[in-house]
């Protein structure tokens, strides 16, 4: 079973395949990654014996996010990529993000997704994320955290 580990981005080998995939998708990925390293940003990963199999980077947005209009704090999933498919890793990552939102008394989790990423859109819809806003190249999906 894949255990989700919280570590600093500074501890990662950014030459691994998962980062090359992100570089292909996002034009200025390395510049953004350097900013996160300077901020000593935490991330969540799973690994197998050879490599990183998933990466999730979160950020708590204070009340005025430039992407979501609300007066509440939000949890943004800045990055979610899973290389080892069909093993429940994506589900565990989402559950981890919801757990962190609840711990921080946050009612909404959101993520941006490229318009052409059909697999991710299907995954988000399956997990009750709702389309919040359609942008030029990506869409914003929002999940309201249910509390018992």
Protein backbone atom coordinates (compact mmCIF):
# COMPACT_ATOMS: atom_id res chain seq x y z
CA UNK A 1 0.00 0.00 0.00
CA UNK A 2 1.21 3.48 -0.83
CA UNK A 3 1.73 5.69 2.21
CA UNK A 4 1.33 9.44 1.74
CA UNK A 5 4.34 11.22 3.21
CA UNK A 6 4.59 14.93 3.98
CA UNK A 7 7.99 16.38 3.14
CA UNK A 8 9.60 19.63 2.04
CA UNK A 9 9.90 20.23 -1.68
CA UNK A 10 13.58 20.89 -0.97
CA UNK A 11 14.01 17.21 -0.12
CA UNK A 12 12.81 16.01 -3.53
CA UNK A 13 14.92 15.03 -6.51
CA UNK A 14 13.30 17.27 -9.12
CA UNK A 15 14.97 15.32 -11.93
CA UNK A 16 12.56 12.43 -11.42
CA UNK A 17 10.10 11.52 -14.19
CA UNK A 18 7.08 12.97 -12.41
CA UNK A 19 8.66 16.44 -12.60
CA UNK A 20 9.46 16.01 -16.30
CA UNK A 21 5.78 15.33 -16.90
CA UNK A 22 4.88 18.56 -15.07
CA UNK A 23 7.46 20.47 -17.13
CA UNK A 24 5.76 19.23 -20.30
CA UNK A 25 2.36 20.41 -19.08
CA UNK A 26 3.31 23.76 -17.52
CA UNK A 27 5.52 26.22 -19.36
CA UNK A 28 7.09 27.99 -16.36
CA UNK A 29 7.14 25.01 -14.01
CA UNK A 30 10.80 25.33 -12.96
CA UNK A 31 10.43 29.02 -12.09
CA UNK A 32 7.38 28.21 -9.98
CA UNK A 33 9.16 25.27 -8.36
CA UNK A 34 12.10 27.49 -7.37
CA UNK A 35 9.68 29.89 -5.69
CA UNK A 36 8.21 27.00 -3.71
CA UNK A 37 11.68 25.84 -2.71
CA UNK A 38 12.53 29.31 -1.38
CA UNK A 39 9.31 29.21 0.66
CA UNK A 40 10.25 25.72 1.92
CA UNK A 41 6.80 24.53 0.81
CA UNK A 42 5.57 21.18 2.08
CA UNK A 43 4.18 18.58 -0.27
CA UNK A 44 2.72 15.10 -0.13
CA UNK A 45 4.17 12.19 -2.06
CA UNK A 46 3.86 8.46 -2.53
CA UNK A 47 6.76 6.35 -3.74
CA UNK A 48 7.48 2.85 -4.89
CA UNK A 49 10.91 1.25 -4.67
CA UNK A 50 12.19 3.28 -7.63
CA UNK A 51 10.50 6.66 -7.85
CA UNK A 52 7.87 9.17 -6.77
CA UNK A 53 4.48 7.88 -7.87
CA UNK A 54 2.35 10.88 -6.86
CA UNK A 55 2.82 14.49 -5.85
CA UNK A 56 0.33 16.83 -4.23
CA UNK A 57 1.08 20.43 -3.29
CA UNK A 58 -1.47 22.38 -1.27
CA UNK A 59 -1.90 26.02 -0.30
CA UNK A 60 -4.26 27.69 2.11
CA UNK A 61 -5.69 30.79 0.44
CA UNK A 62 -6.83 33.48 2.78
CA UNK A 63 -10.24 34.95 2.22
CA UNK A 64 -9.67 36.73 -1.10
CA UNK A 65 -8.37 34.19 -3.58
CA UNK A 66 -7.95 35.63 -7.06
CA UNK A 67 -9.72 32.56 -8.49
CA UNK A 68 -12.65 32.00 -6.11
CA UNK A 69 -14.82 34.76 -4.73
CA UNK A 70 -15.66 33.98 -1.14
CA UNK A 71 -15.11 35.48 2.27
CA UNK A 72 -13.81 32.16 3.59
CA UNK A 73 -10.39 30.53 3.65
CA UNK A 74 -9.90 27.98 0.89
CA UNK A 75 -7.58 25.04 0.37
CA UNK A 76 -6.10 25.01 -3.10
CA UNK A 77 -4.69 21.85 -4.58
CA UNK A 78 -1.86 23.53 -6.47
CA UNK A 79 -0.61 20.29 -7.99
CA UNK A 80 -1.98 16.77 -8.05
CA UNK A 81 -0.32 14.22 -10.29
CA UNK A 82 -0.46 10.46 -9.99
CA UNK A 83 1.79 8.29 -12.14
CA UNK A 84 0.85 4.90 -10.70
CA UNK A 85 -2.78 4.65 -11.81
CA UNK A 86 -5.65 2.49 -10.53
CA UNK A 87 -4.19 1.90 -7.09
CA UNK A 88 -6.37 4.35 -5.13
CA UNK A 89 -3.55 6.89 -4.74
CA UNK A 90 -5.57 9.77 -6.19
CA UNK A 91 -8.42 8.95 -3.80
CA UNK A 92 -6.04 8.95 -0.85
CA UNK A 93 -4.56 12.27 -1.94
CA UNK A 94 -8.00 13.85 -2.13
CA UNK A 95 -8.91 12.40 1.25
CA UNK A 96 -5.69 13.89 2.65
CA UNK A 97 -6.59 17.33 1.25
CA UNK A 98 -10.07 17.10 2.82
CA UNK A 99 -8.55 16.04 6.15
CA UNK A 100 -6.20 19.05 6.06
CA UNK A 101 -9.10 21.36 5.17
CA UNK A 102 -11.09 20.08 8.14
CA UNK A 103 -8.09 20.45 10.48
CA UNK A 104 -7.80 24.08 9.39
CA UNK A 105 -11.55 24.77 9.59
CA UNK A 106 -11.78 25.26 5.83
CA UNK A 107 -15.04 24.54 4.02
CA UNK A 108 -13.87 24.48 0.39
CA UNK A 109 -11.14 22.76 -1.62
CA UNK A 110 -10.44 23.84 -5.18
CA UNK A 111 -8.19 22.89 -8.05
CA UNK A 112 -7.51 24.17 -11.55
CA UNK A 113 -7.38 21.68 -14.38
CA UNK A 114 -6.40 22.01 -18.03
CA UNK A 115 -9.51 21.96 -20.23
CA UNK A 116 -8.16 19.03 -22.25
CA UNK A 117 -7.33 16.80 -19.25
CA UNK A 118 -10.36 14.52 -19.60
CA UNK A 119 -9.03 11.95 -17.10
CA UNK A 120 -8.63 14.55 -14.33
CA UNK A 121 -11.99 16.16 -15.08
CA UNK A 122 -13.68 12.75 -14.82
CA UNK A 123 -11.83 12.08 -11.54
CA UNK A 124 -12.91 15.44 -10.07
CA UNK A 125 -16.53 14.94 -11.13
CA UNK A 126 -16.51 11.46 -9.57
CA UNK A 127 -15.42 13.05 -6.28
CA UNK A 128 -18.20 15.69 -6.25
CA UNK A 129 -16.09 18.65 -7.41
CA UNK A 130 -18.27 21.13 -9.28
CA UNK A 131 -17.20 23.28 -12.20
CA UNK A 132 -16.81 26.75 -10.70
CA UNK A 133 -15.38 28.78 -13.58
CA UNK A 134 -14.25 28.16 -17.14
CA UNK A 135 -11.09 30.00 -18.11
CA UNK A 136 -9.26 30.15 -21.42
CA UNK A 137 -7.03 27.08 -20.99
CA UNK A 138 -8.16 25.65 -17.69
CA UNK A 139 -11.19 25.32 -15.49
CA UNK A 140 -11.61 25.76 -11.75
CA UNK A 141 -13.32 22.98 -9.80
CA UNK A 142 -14.67 23.46 -6.29
CA UNK A 143 -15.59 20.97 -3.56
CA UNK A 144 -17.67 21.91 -0.53
CA UNK A 145 -16.49 19.94 2.49
CA UNK A 146 -19.30 18.05 4.13
CA UNK A 147 -19.19 18.04 7.93
CA UNK A 148 -20.98 15.60 10.17
